[in-house]
Amino acid sequence: MTILERYQNIKSKNRGNPIFKFTTEGDTIVARFLARRIDVQTAMGVGNVLDVDITESTSGETGIRSIFESGDLTKIFNGRALEVGDLFVLKYDKTSMKGYKSFAFQLLDADGNAVGDNGDDTIPFQLLWDSR
């Protein structure tokens, strides 16, 4: 048997997580942060990807998923230093007149209670350490 014949039935390996897409205003997930990949090459160009473990969602979808960041998601996650396992809520809040998706974000403690501000990005980012 030739090498080619031996490997005729070889299959590709899973190269990523299933994709989660926010499609309808009000779509909401409760998820644990796993990772954030910056400058990932995609079919549409270079972008950022969130890897999360969705524990609840309005669509019923759960499990480990990847989310491609829109401009608003990048703005939200650039302002936060999430750690692996951090629990949060992310909601597709509304679409602007120009067609851009706006999201609401809230960091949660282990019991699902809000931590910190309400996720409003108009609130300035505050340093959490003393720089003296």
Protein backbone atom coordinates (compact mmCIF):
# COMPACT_ATOMS: atom_id res chain seq x y z
CA MET A 1 0.00 0.00 0.00
CA THR A 2 1.37 3.43 -0.91
CA ILE A 3 1.58 6.33 1.51
CA LEU A 4 -1.13 8.13 -0.45
CA GLU A 5 -3.43 5.12 -0.14
CA ARG A 6 -2.80 4.85 3.60
CA TYR A 7 -3.87 8.46 4.16
CA GLN A 8 -6.67 8.67 1.59
CA ASN A 9 -9.32 9.11 4.31
CA ILE A 10 -7.50 11.72 6.38
CA LYS A 11 -9.85 14.45 7.71
CA SER A 12 -9.18 18.05 8.64
CA LYS A 13 -9.01 18.88 12.32
CA ASN A 14 -11.29 21.39 13.95
CA ARG A 15 -9.42 24.68 13.63
CA GLY A 16 -11.63 26.74 15.87
CA ASN A 17 -14.70 27.03 17.98
CA PRO A 18 -18.21 27.31 16.61
CA ILE A 19 -19.09 30.95 15.91
CA PHE A 20 -21.73 32.80 17.94
CA LYS A 21 -23.46 35.66 16.09
CA PHE A 22 -25.63 38.36 17.60
CA THR A 23 -28.35 38.61 14.96
CA THR A 24 -31.37 40.25 16.62
CA GLU A 25 -31.61 43.22 18.95
CA GLY A 26 -32.01 41.83 22.45
CA ASP A 27 -29.80 38.79 21.85
CA THR A 28 -28.04 38.28 25.18
CA ILE A 29 -25.44 35.88 26.52
CA VAL A 30 -24.07 35.09 29.96
CA ALA A 31 -20.55 33.81 29.44
CA ARG A 32 -17.18 33.12 30.98
CA PHE A 33 -14.23 34.81 29.33
CA LEU A 34 -11.66 32.36 27.92
CA ALA A 35 -9.39 34.43 25.67
CA ARG A 36 -9.19 37.35 23.30
CA ARG A 37 -7.29 36.97 20.05
CA ILE A 38 -6.07 40.19 18.44
CA ASP A 39 -5.43 40.72 14.70
CA VAL A 40 -6.78 37.37 13.54
CA GLN A 41 -6.83 36.93 9.76
CA THR A 42 -10.36 36.16 8.57
CA ALA A 43 -12.07 35.92 5.19
CA MET A 44 -13.17 39.54 5.63
CA GLY A 45 -9.78 40.85 6.77
CA VAL A 46 -8.06 41.24 10.12
CA GLY A 47 -10.15 41.39 13.28
CA ASN A 48 -10.36 40.50 16.95
CA VAL A 49 -12.03 37.37 18.28
CA LEU A 50 -13.46 36.66 21.73
CA ASP A 51 -13.41 33.07 22.94
CA VAL A 52 -16.10 32.49 25.55
CA ASP A 53 -17.98 29.71 27.31
CA ILE A 54 -21.66 30.65 27.04
CA THR A 55 -23.61 29.42 30.07
CA GLU A 56 -26.95 31.01 29.11
CA SER A 57 -28.33 32.78 26.06
CA THR A 58 -31.62 34.07 24.76
CA SER A 59 -31.14 31.83 21.70
CA GLY A 60 -30.61 28.72 23.85
CA GLU A 61 -27.09 28.28 22.45
CA THR A 62 -24.47 27.33 25.06
CA GLY A 63 -20.90 26.06 25.17
CA ILE A 64 -17.55 27.29 23.96
CA ARG A 65 -17.92 29.77 21.12
CA SER A 66 -15.94 32.43 19.29
CA ILE A 67 -17.37 35.89 18.68
CA PHE A 68 -15.93 38.19 16.02
CA GLU A 69 -15.69 41.68 17.48
CA SER A 70 -17.54 44.57 15.89
CA GLY A 71 -16.28 48.11 16.51
CA ASP A 72 -18.43 48.48 19.62
CA LEU A 73 -17.29 45.14 21.06
CA THR A 74 -13.65 46.12 20.48
CA LYS A 75 -14.29 49.39 22.32
CA ILE A 76 -15.89 47.54 25.24
CA PHE A 77 -13.18 44.89 25.59
CA ASN A 78 -10.25 47.26 25.01
CA GLY A 79 -11.34 49.09 28.18
CA ARG A 80 -11.36 46.00 30.36
CA ALA A 81 -8.70 43.59 31.50
CA LEU A 82 -10.77 40.44 31.78
CA GLU A 83 -9.21 37.32 33.22
CA VAL A 84 -9.91 33.73 32.27
CA GLY A 85 -13.13 32.65 33.98
CA ASP A 86 -14.59 36.16 34.45
CA LEU A 87 -18.38 36.00 34.16
CA PHE A 88 -20.25 38.67 32.20
CA VAL A 89 -23.44 39.55 30.36
CA LEU A 90 -23.27 40.84 26.79
CA LYS A 91 -26.40 42.12 25.06
CA TYR A 92 -26.96 43.30 21.49
CA ASP A 93 -28.78 46.43 22.57
CA LYS A 94 -29.65 48.30 19.39
CA THR A 95 -28.65 49.17 15.85
CA SER A 96 -27.73 52.78 15.10
CA MET A 97 -29.22 54.79 12.24
CA LYS A 98 -26.04 53.98 10.30
CA GLY A 99 -26.43 50.24 10.88
CA TYR A 100 -23.82 49.77 13.61
CA LYS A 101 -24.56 47.34 16.45
CA SER A 102 -24.39 48.71 20.01
CA PHE A 103 -23.80 46.38 22.93
CA ALA A 104 -24.38 46.50 26.68
CA PHE A 105 -21.82 44.82 28.93
CA GLN A 106 -21.87 43.95 32.62
CA LEU A 107 -19.20 42.14 34.60
CA LEU A 108 -20.63 39.72 37.20
CA ASP A 109 -19.42 38.02 40.34
CA ALA A 110 -19.70 34.23 40.77
CA ASP A 111 -23.31 34.60 42.01
CA GLY A 112 -24.38 36.68 39.00
CA ASN A 113 -24.38 40.03 40.80
CA ALA A 114 -23.15 43.14 39.00
CA VAL A 115 -19.53 44.13 39.65
CA GLY A 116 -18.36 47.70 39.12
CA ASP A 117 -20.08 50.14 36.81
CA ASN A 118 -22.95 49.28 34.51
CA GLY A 119 -20.66 48.82 31.52
CA ASP A 120 -21.37 52.27 30.10
CA ASP A 121 -18.31 53.20 28.06
CA THR A 122 -18.92 56.92 28.62
CA ILE A 123 -17.65 56.39 32.17
CA PRO A 124 -13.88 56.96 32.17
CA PHE A 125 -11.69 53.95 32.80
CA GLN A 126 -10.27 54.14 36.34
CA LEU A 127 -6.90 52.82 37.41
CA LEU A 128 -7.26 50.12 40.02
CA TRP A 129 -3.81 50.50 41.50
CA ASP A 130 -1.74 53.19 43.14
CA SER A 131 0.94 54.35 40.69
CA ARG A 132 3.06 56.03 43.39
